Protein backbone atom coordinates (compact mmCIF):
# COMPACT_ATOMS: atom_id res chain seq x y z
CA MET A 1 94.42 70.10 103.98
CA SER A 2 94.06 66.25 102.49
CA GLU A 3 93.88 65.90 98.54
CA SER A 4 90.71 64.72 98.58
CA GLU A 5 88.57 67.16 100.11
CA PRO A 6 88.05 70.15 97.54
CA GLU A 7 89.45 73.56 98.73
CA SER A 8 86.57 75.71 99.85
CA GLY A 9 85.75 79.29 101.71
CA ALA A 10 89.22 81.56 102.06
CA ALA A 11 91.88 79.27 101.20
CA ALA A 12 90.05 78.92 97.27
CA MET A 13 90.07 82.90 97.31
CA VAL A 14 93.59 83.34 98.38
CA ALA A 15 94.74 80.33 95.41
CA ALA A 16 92.05 82.17 92.67
CA LEU A 17 93.48 85.85 93.55
CA ASN A 18 97.45 84.66 93.65
CA VAL A 19 98.01 86.06 97.08
CA VAL A 20 100.98 84.02 97.65
CA ARG A 21 102.18 85.03 94.47
CA ASN A 22 101.80 88.48 94.67
CA ALA A 23 102.80 88.32 98.15
CA LYS A 24 106.58 87.00 96.82
CA TYR A 25 107.04 89.63 94.08
CA GLY A 26 105.29 92.39 96.44
CA PHE A 27 107.69 92.18 99.35
CA GLY A 28 110.83 91.18 96.87
CA LEU A 29 109.96 94.45 95.01
CA ALA A 30 109.74 96.46 98.77
CA ALA A 31 113.50 94.75 99.37
CA LEU A 32 114.70 96.13 96.50
CA VAL A 33 113.28 99.57 96.89
CA THR A 34 114.49 99.92 100.34
CA ALA A 35 118.27 98.28 99.51
CA GLY A 36 118.03 101.05 96.97
CA LEU A 37 117.04 104.13 99.46
CA VAL A 38 119.52 102.73 102.00
CA ALA A 39 122.51 103.23 99.76
CA PHE A 40 121.99 106.06 98.36
CA PHE A 41 120.42 108.42 102.02
CA VAL A 42 122.38 106.37 104.21
CA LEU A 43 125.54 104.75 102.39
CA ALA A 44 126.46 107.29 99.84
CA PRO A 45 126.99 110.03 102.69
CA LEU A 46 129.36 108.26 104.51
CA PHE A 47 131.61 108.08 101.38
CA VAL A 48 131.44 111.57 100.36
CA LEU A 49 130.92 112.61 103.26
CA PRO A 50 133.46 111.48 105.54
CA GLY A 51 133.91 113.31 108.87
CA THR A 52 129.55 113.01 109.13
CA THR A 53 128.56 109.78 111.61
CA ARG A 54 124.98 109.08 112.14
CA PRO A 55 123.43 105.98 114.38
CA THR A 56 123.31 103.86 111.32
CA TYR A 57 121.06 101.20 113.92
CA LEU A 58 117.93 103.61 113.76
CA TYR A 59 118.40 103.64 109.97
CA GLY A 60 118.03 99.04 110.34
CA ALA A 61 115.08 100.01 112.05
CA LEU A 62 113.27 102.48 109.57
CA ALA A 63 114.36 99.91 106.75
CA PHE A 64 112.63 96.97 108.61
CA VAL A 65 109.51 99.65 108.67
CA LEU A 66 109.74 99.91 104.98
CA VAL A 67 109.67 96.76 103.69
CA VAL A 68 106.94 95.31 105.83
CA SER A 69 104.61 98.40 105.36
CA LEU A 70 105.76 98.83 101.41
CA GLY A 71 105.74 94.95 100.92
CA GLY A 72 102.01 94.80 102.62
CA LEU A 73 101.04 97.67 100.37
CA LEU A 74 102.68 96.05 97.18
CA THR A 75 100.83 92.93 98.04
CA ALA A 76 97.55 94.65 97.92
CA VAL A 77 97.46 96.23 94.91
CA PHE A 78 98.78 92.79 92.92
CA THR A 79 95.98 91.01 94.63
CA VAL A 80 93.63 93.92 93.83
CA VAL A 81 94.42 93.61 90.49
CA SER A 82 94.37 89.85 90.14
CA ALA A 83 90.63 90.23 91.78
CA VAL A 84 90.26 92.65 88.85
CA ARG A 85 91.44 90.59 86.17
CA LEU A 86 89.66 87.60 87.40
CA ALA A 87 86.28 89.57 87.46
CA ARG A 88 86.69 90.36 84.05
CA SER A 89 87.61 86.94 82.45
CA SER A 90 84.34 85.77 84.57
CA PRO A 91 81.71 85.14 82.29
């Protein structure tokens, strides 16, 4: 949009609810949680039990699904919190 036109509709709502910031925080936190879970459940047993072999490429796909789903969920929760705070602050 050009700067001469005011934001309206969905763009104004996205800006008011800080959806972009919430998505950055949500997917960042999801990536950290996923990395921790992969380290704990996939990589740690490889060092504790050297004889075990697991198909780690499948864990990569599982990690991707976890990042995307948890990131979307956290983004939605953070956006709902933003909406509640915005509703309470409005007169």
